[in-house]
Amino acid sequence: MKKNYKPVRIERLAGDASVRIFSRLFFEDGSTAVEMITPKTHEPDYEKYIRTQAFLNAHSVPVPAVLETDAQSLKIILEDLGSADYFSLHPSLSEEERIAYYKKFTDAAIKIASLAPEFKRDYTGEKEILGFERLSWELDFFLDNYLTLYPEKRPADDNLKIFKEFFTNLAREAASFPTVLCHRDFHSKNIMVSGSGFKIIDFQDLRLGPYNYDLASLLWDSYIAPSDDIISTIEKRFFAALPKLGIEISFDEFQKQNRITALQRNIKAIGTFANQASKGKTGYLQFIFPTFEKILEHLEILQIHKNISRILKNIK
């Protein structure tokens, strides 16, 4: 792409939960690209995106190419990956095809996880950590946003106290797990598919965090529900890679820890959906109830105090 090559047509694209503005650019020669503009209110995110893209690309993680940047307008021109994310593709696939894709996605998550030493050594931006404070904030984010959207569902003060104590313990436990590099939002809508290949988007929040965070995001995705066979296959695949990440753990404990991390992740996701719905993006409401069902399943499998399940059932 030539510098300042002018498009003949511009088509505004939906930005999902992002504050960034996306457009597809159409050029005279038939080629296309995607323009991403970061608002001035989020200026640090512009440099963060460029740094994380460069880091991942340098280590052969499949991410979109950066074609052009403009620091003055906070504009980045990206390779056009099309409109087919895995979320939209999943329903049309056979179980065999789904497993093949999930294996590839899992290998990418393992690759990202393995880059923690390089991230600590080479990454030039702020090295944020998905630790206790951030995990706790995300759980509070659920309470604040969900109960703001549905004030009539606010539990009694004694139940809120139980909630907050549970959230503190959950965040502390997830934060105690071994740390790797995480994409942090590794789900079906952030994986763009073309043929048998794929590229990962929305990676700018790359940070160190619990070793199974991306795995939990993928397998207990709030948008789709992989089969039990896929979950079993992928857990075994990820578990086999743990020694290379310097992690020694039994498979039973690994499965338990996956549910703990997924529980935190799914609770946080409902907070995001409620927050986006309050801004007029009501399409997110459809994902709240299925995510509550995943949360209740985690609680049952983990045999966590029945009071938590009871309170959640009353507010869902």
Protein backbone atom coordinates (compact mmCIF):
# COMPACT_ATOMS: atom_id res chain seq x y z
CA MET A 1 0.00 0.00 0.00
CA LYS A 2 1.39 3.38 -0.98
CA LYS A 3 1.63 6.15 1.56
CA ASN A 4 -1.46 8.40 1.39
CA TYR A 5 -3.03 6.21 -1.30
CA LYS A 6 -6.59 7.60 -1.39
CA PRO A 7 -9.57 5.23 -1.18
CA VAL A 8 -12.42 5.55 -3.66
CA ARG A 9 -14.97 4.44 -1.07
CA ILE A 10 -15.10 4.24 2.73
CA GLU A 11 -17.50 1.94 4.61
CA ARG A 12 -17.96 2.37 8.35
CA LEU A 13 -17.64 -0.88 10.31
CA ALA A 14 -19.09 -1.89 13.65
CA GLY A 15 -16.46 -1.67 16.36
CA ASP A 16 -17.99 -4.16 18.79
CA ALA A 17 -17.18 -3.07 22.37
CA SER A 18 -14.29 -0.86 21.29
CA VAL A 19 -14.17 2.94 21.48
CA ARG A 20 -12.06 2.93 18.33
CA ILE A 21 -13.57 3.80 14.95
CA PHE A 22 -13.21 1.22 12.18
CA SER A 23 -13.78 1.69 8.44
CA ARG A 24 -13.12 -0.45 5.37
CA LEU A 25 -11.24 1.38 2.63
CA PHE A 26 -11.81 0.45 -1.02
CA PHE A 27 -9.11 1.34 -3.54
CA GLU A 28 -9.21 1.79 -7.29
CA ASP A 29 -7.18 -1.37 -7.95
CA GLY A 30 -9.78 -3.50 -6.12
CA SER A 31 -7.77 -3.91 -2.92
CA THR A 32 -9.10 -3.09 0.52
CA ALA A 33 -7.73 -2.21 3.93
CA VAL A 34 -9.14 -1.36 7.36
CA GLU A 35 -8.69 2.04 8.95
CA MET A 36 -8.65 2.15 12.76
CA ILE A 37 -8.81 5.53 14.50
CA THR A 38 -8.19 5.85 18.23
CA PRO A 39 -10.03 8.72 19.98
CA LYS A 40 -7.84 11.44 21.48
CA THR A 41 -9.28 10.51 24.88
CA HIS A 42 -7.55 7.12 24.54
CA GLU A 43 -4.30 8.31 22.94
CA PRO A 44 -2.01 5.90 24.87
CA ASP A 45 -3.89 2.99 23.24
CA TYR A 46 -2.56 4.05 19.82
CA GLU A 47 1.06 3.41 20.76
CA LYS A 48 0.09 0.34 22.77
CA TYR A 49 -1.52 -1.23 19.69
CA ILE A 50 1.53 -0.56 17.53
CA ARG A 51 3.89 -2.00 20.14
CA THR A 52 1.86 -5.13 20.82
CA GLN A 53 1.31 -5.80 17.10
CA ALA A 54 5.04 -5.46 16.44
CA PHE A 55 5.90 -7.75 19.35
CA LEU A 56 3.45 -10.50 18.38
CA ASN A 57 4.27 -10.26 14.68
CA ALA A 58 7.99 -10.53 15.42
CA HIS A 59 7.30 -13.79 17.25
CA SER A 60 5.15 -15.31 14.48
CA VAL A 61 1.81 -14.96 16.24
CA PRO A 62 -0.89 -14.56 13.52
CA VAL A 63 -2.03 -10.92 13.77
CA PRO A 64 -3.09 -8.43 11.06
CA ALA A 65 -0.31 -6.53 9.31
CA VAL A 66 0.08 -2.80 9.97
CA LEU A 67 0.26 -1.08 6.57
CA GLU A 68 0.51 2.57 7.59
CA THR A 69 0.40 4.72 10.72
CA ASP A 70 -0.30 8.38 11.42
CA ALA A 71 0.54 9.49 14.94
CA GLN A 72 -1.02 12.92 14.46
CA SER A 73 -4.50 11.59 13.68
CA LEU A 74 -4.01 8.39 15.74
CA LYS A 75 -4.84 6.41 12.61
CA ILE A 76 -3.59 2.94 11.74
CA ILE A 77 -4.22 1.27 8.38
CA LEU A 78 -4.45 -2.50 8.77
CA GLU A 79 -4.59 -5.54 6.58
CA ASP A 80 -8.24 -6.33 5.81
CA LEU A 81 -9.11 -9.69 7.37
CA GLY A 82 -12.66 -9.71 6.03
CA SER A 83 -15.76 -10.09 8.18
CA ALA A 84 -15.72 -13.78 9.09
CA ASP A 85 -14.90 -14.28 12.76
CA TYR A 86 -15.00 -17.74 14.33
CA PHE A 87 -18.19 -16.83 16.18
CA SER A 88 -20.09 -16.51 12.89
CA LEU A 89 -18.45 -19.58 11.37
CA HIS A 90 -18.89 -22.01 14.29
CA PRO A 91 -22.58 -22.96 13.71
CA SER A 92 -21.93 -24.11 10.13
CA LEU A 93 -19.01 -26.40 10.99
CA SER A 94 -18.99 -30.12 11.67
CA GLU A 95 -17.64 -31.29 15.03
CA GLU A 96 -14.50 -32.52 13.29
CA GLU A 97 -13.93 -29.11 11.70
CA ARG A 98 -14.54 -27.36 15.01
CA ILE A 99 -11.96 -29.50 16.80
CA ALA A 100 -9.42 -28.77 14.05
CA TYR A 101 -9.90 -25.03 14.52
CA TYR A 102 -9.79 -25.23 18.31
CA LYS A 103 -6.50 -27.10 18.16
CA LYS A 104 -5.03 -24.29 16.07
CA PHE A 105 -6.41 -21.62 18.38
CA THR A 106 -5.03 -23.47 21.40
CA ASP A 107 -1.59 -23.73 19.84
CA ALA A 108 -1.68 -19.95 19.29
CA ALA A 109 -2.62 -19.42 22.96
CA ILE A 110 0.26 -21.68 24.01
CA LYS A 111 2.61 -19.73 21.73
CA ILE A 112 1.54 -16.42 23.30
CA ALA A 113 1.89 -17.91 26.80
CA SER A 114 5.44 -19.07 25.99
CA LEU A 115 6.51 -15.52 25.11
CA ALA A 116 6.51 -14.27 28.72
CA PRO A 117 10.35 -14.18 28.97
CA GLU A 118 10.61 -12.26 25.67
CA PHE A 119 7.83 -9.92 26.77
CA LYS A 120 9.64 -9.12 30.00
CA ARG A 121 12.90 -8.60 28.12
CA ASP A 122 11.91 -6.91 24.83
CA TYR A 123 8.53 -5.25 25.16
CA THR A 124 9.04 -1.50 25.42
CA GLY A 125 5.63 -0.47 26.77
CA GLU A 126 4.21 -0.65 30.26
CA LYS A 127 4.16 -4.26 31.44
CA GLU A 128 0.74 -4.51 33.06
CA ILE A 129 -0.22 -7.56 35.12
CA LEU A 130 -3.56 -9.30 35.38
CA GLY A 131 -3.13 -9.87 39.09
CA PHE A 132 -5.23 -9.68 42.23
CA GLU A 133 -6.05 -5.96 42.00
CA ARG A 134 -7.17 -6.12 38.37
CA LEU A 135 -9.10 -9.38 38.81
CA SER A 136 -10.86 -7.90 41.84
CA TRP A 137 -11.69 -4.72 39.91
CA GLU A 138 -13.25 -6.81 37.12
CA LEU A 139 -15.51 -8.63 39.58
CA ASP A 140 -16.61 -5.34 41.12
CA PHE A 141 -17.21 -4.12 37.56
CA PHE A 142 -19.81 -6.87 37.23
CA LEU A 143 -21.66 -5.76 40.35
CA ASP A 144 -21.54 -2.07 39.48
CA ASN A 145 -22.70 -2.44 35.89
CA TYR A 146 -25.14 -5.32 36.17
CA LEU A 147 -26.96 -3.80 39.15
CA THR A 148 -26.99 -0.39 37.47
CA LEU A 149 -28.67 -1.93 34.44
CA TYR A 150 -31.06 -3.98 36.61
CA PRO A 151 -31.46 -2.07 39.91
CA GLU A 152 -34.53 -4.15 40.78
CA LYS A 153 -32.25 -7.22 41.07
CA ARG A 154 -30.01 -5.70 43.72
CA PRO A 155 -29.58 -8.27 46.52
CA ALA A 156 -29.95 -7.46 50.20
CA ASP A 157 -26.94 -5.94 51.94
CA ASP A 158 -26.05 -9.18 53.73
CA ASN A 159 -26.03 -11.02 50.39
CA LEU A 160 -23.91 -8.28 48.84
CA LYS A 161 -21.40 -8.79 51.64
CA ILE A 162 -21.31 -12.53 50.85
CA PHE A 163 -20.77 -11.67 47.18
CA LYS A 164 -17.89 -9.33 47.87
CA GLU A 165 -16.14 -11.77 50.19
CA PHE A 166 -16.52 -14.47 47.56
CA PHE A 167 -15.13 -12.15 44.85
CA THR A 168 -12.10 -11.32 46.98
CA ASN A 169 -11.34 -15.01 47.53
CA LEU A 170 -11.92 -15.84 43.85
CA ALA A 171 -9.58 -13.07 42.65
CA ARG A 172 -6.94 -14.08 45.19
CA GLU A 173 -7.05 -17.72 44.10
CA ALA A 174 -6.89 -16.95 40.35
CA ALA A 175 -4.04 -14.50 40.96
CA SER A 176 -2.06 -17.21 42.76
CA PHE A 177 -1.73 -19.34 39.62
CA PRO A 178 1.55 -19.38 37.64
CA THR A 179 1.94 -16.42 35.31
CA VAL A 180 2.36 -16.42 31.52
CA LEU A 181 1.72 -13.92 28.74
CA CYS A 182 -2.01 -13.55 27.98
CA HIS A 183 -3.95 -12.09 25.07
CA ARG A 184 -6.58 -11.30 27.72
CA ASP A 185 -9.65 -11.42 25.44
CA PHE A 186 -9.12 -14.66 23.55
CA HIS A 187 -12.62 -15.57 22.37
CA SER A 188 -14.48 -16.43 19.16
CA LYS A 189 -15.20 -12.84 18.12
CA ASN A 190 -11.52 -11.94 18.29
CA ILE A 191 -10.39 -14.68 15.91
CA MET A 192 -10.80 -13.86 12.22
CA VAL A 193 -10.97 -16.88 9.93
CA SER A 194 -10.08 -17.25 6.26
CA GLY A 195 -10.09 -20.76 4.81
CA SER A 196 -8.16 -22.97 7.20
CA GLY A 197 -6.13 -20.02 8.47
CA PHE A 198 -6.87 -17.38 11.09
CA LYS A 199 -5.55 -14.19 12.65
CA ILE A 200 -6.06 -12.81 16.14
CA ILE A 201 -7.34 -9.29 16.76
CA ASP A 202 -7.97 -7.01 19.77
CA PHE A 203 -4.63 -7.96 21.30
CA GLN A 204 -3.60 -4.53 22.60
CA ASP A 205 -4.30 -5.49 26.24
CA LEU A 206 -1.57 -8.13 26.10
CA ARG A 207 -0.22 -8.65 29.61
CA LEU A 208 1.08 -11.15 32.13
CA GLY A 209 -1.63 -13.10 33.93
CA PRO A 210 -2.88 -16.53 35.06
CA TYR A 211 -1.48 -19.29 32.86
CA ASN A 212 -4.95 -20.60 31.94
CA TYR A 213 -6.69 -17.26 31.36
CA ASP A 214 -6.71 -17.45 27.56
CA LEU A 215 -7.65 -21.13 27.68
CA ALA A 216 -10.61 -20.36 29.95
CA SER A 217 -11.64 -17.49 27.66
CA LEU A 218 -11.62 -19.82 24.66
CA LEU A 219 -13.34 -22.88 26.17
CA TRP A 220 -15.96 -21.06 28.27
CA ASP A 221 -16.56 -18.34 25.70
CA SER A 222 -19.64 -16.25 26.51
CA TYR A 223 -20.61 -16.15 22.82
CA ILE A 224 -20.58 -19.85 21.92
CA ALA A 225 -20.54 -23.18 23.72
CA PRO A 226 -17.97 -25.74 22.53
CA SER A 227 -18.99 -29.34 23.11
CA ASP A 228 -17.75 -31.36 26.08
CA ASP A 229 -15.59 -33.36 23.64
CA ILE A 230 -13.89 -30.18 22.43
CA ILE A 231 -13.32 -28.97 25.99
CA SER A 232 -11.82 -32.34 26.96
CA THR A 233 -9.61 -32.51 23.85
CA ILE A 234 -8.33 -28.97 24.24
CA GLU A 235 -7.70 -29.22 27.98
CA LYS A 236 -5.52 -32.29 27.31
CA ARG A 237 -3.68 -30.45 24.53
CA PHE A 238 -2.95 -27.42 26.70
CA PHE A 239 -2.01 -29.62 29.67
CA ALA A 240 0.58 -31.44 27.54
CA ALA A 241 2.27 -28.07 26.87
CA LEU A 242 2.51 -27.03 30.53
CA PRO A 243 6.02 -28.47 31.16
CA LYS A 244 7.33 -26.26 28.33
CA LEU A 245 5.84 -23.30 30.20
CA GLY A 246 7.60 -24.41 33.39
CA ILE A 247 4.36 -25.47 35.09
CA GLU A 248 4.03 -28.77 36.96
CA ILE A 249 0.53 -29.70 38.13
CA SER A 250 -1.79 -32.72 38.17
CA PHE A 251 -4.48 -32.94 35.52
CA ASP A 252 -7.24 -32.92 38.14
CA GLU A 253 -5.88 -29.73 39.70
CA PHE A 254 -5.43 -28.22 36.24
CA GLN A 255 -9.11 -28.82 35.44
CA LYS A 256 -10.15 -27.31 38.76
CA GLN A 257 -8.01 -24.23 38.18
CA ASN A 258 -9.46 -23.84 34.68
CA ARG A 259 -12.94 -23.63 36.19
CA ILE A 260 -11.80 -21.08 38.77
CA THR A 261 -10.31 -18.83 36.09
CA ALA A 262 -13.33 -19.34 33.82
CA LEU A 263 -15.64 -18.41 36.71
CA GLN A 264 -13.84 -15.10 37.19
CA ARG A 265 -13.76 -14.50 33.45
CA ASN A 266 -17.48 -15.19 32.91
CA ILE A 267 -18.53 -12.97 35.83
CA LYS A 268 -16.40 -10.18 34.39
CA ALA A 269 -17.97 -10.73 30.94
CA ILE A 270 -21.50 -10.08 32.25
CA GLY A 271 -20.25 -6.78 33.65
CA THR A 272 -18.96 -5.88 30.18
CA PHE A 273 -22.24 -6.87 28.52
CA ALA A 274 -24.25 -4.80 31.00
CA ASN A 275 -21.91 -1.83 30.56
CA GLN A 276 -22.22 -1.96 26.76
CA ALA A 277 -26.01 -2.40 26.92
CA SER A 278 -26.27 0.70 29.12
CA LYS A 279 -24.55 2.61 26.28
CA GLY A 280 -27.20 1.49 23.80
CA LYS A 281 -25.46 -1.63 22.47
CA THR A 282 -28.35 -3.88 23.46
CA GLY A 283 -27.16 -6.76 21.28
CA TYR A 284 -25.01 -7.81 24.21
CA LEU A 285 -28.05 -8.59 26.37
CA GLN A 286 -28.59 -11.93 24.59
CA PHE A 287 -25.29 -13.22 26.00
CA ILE A 288 -25.99 -12.50 29.66
CA PHE A 289 -28.27 -15.45 30.44
CA PRO A 290 -26.05 -18.10 28.73
CA THR A 291 -23.05 -16.72 30.63
CA PHE A 292 -24.96 -16.97 33.92
CA GLU A 293 -25.58 -20.64 33.08
CA LYS A 294 -21.83 -21.19 32.62
CA ILE A 295 -21.18 -19.49 35.98
CA LEU A 296 -23.67 -21.73 37.76
CA GLU A 297 -22.07 -24.78 36.13
CA HIS A 298 -18.62 -23.71 37.37
CA LEU A 299 -19.97 -23.24 40.89
CA GLU A 300 -21.58 -26.68 40.87
CA ILE A 301 -18.46 -28.44 39.60
CA LEU A 302 -16.23 -26.57 42.06
CA GLN A 303 -18.73 -27.28 44.87
CA ILE A 304 -18.57 -23.69 46.02
CA HIS A 305 -20.86 -22.59 48.86
CA LYS A 306 -24.49 -22.93 47.82
CA ASN A 307 -25.28 -19.40 49.07
CA ILE A 308 -23.39 -17.98 46.07
CA SER A 309 -25.40 -20.06 43.60
CA ARG A 310 -28.62 -19.11 45.35
CA ILE A 311 -27.87 -15.39 45.19
CA LEU A 312 -26.82 -15.59 41.54
CA LYS A 313 -29.98 -17.48 40.60
CA ASN A 314 -32.03 -14.76 42.25
CA ILE A 315 -30.40 -11.94 40.28
CA LYS A 316 -29.96 -13.50 36.84
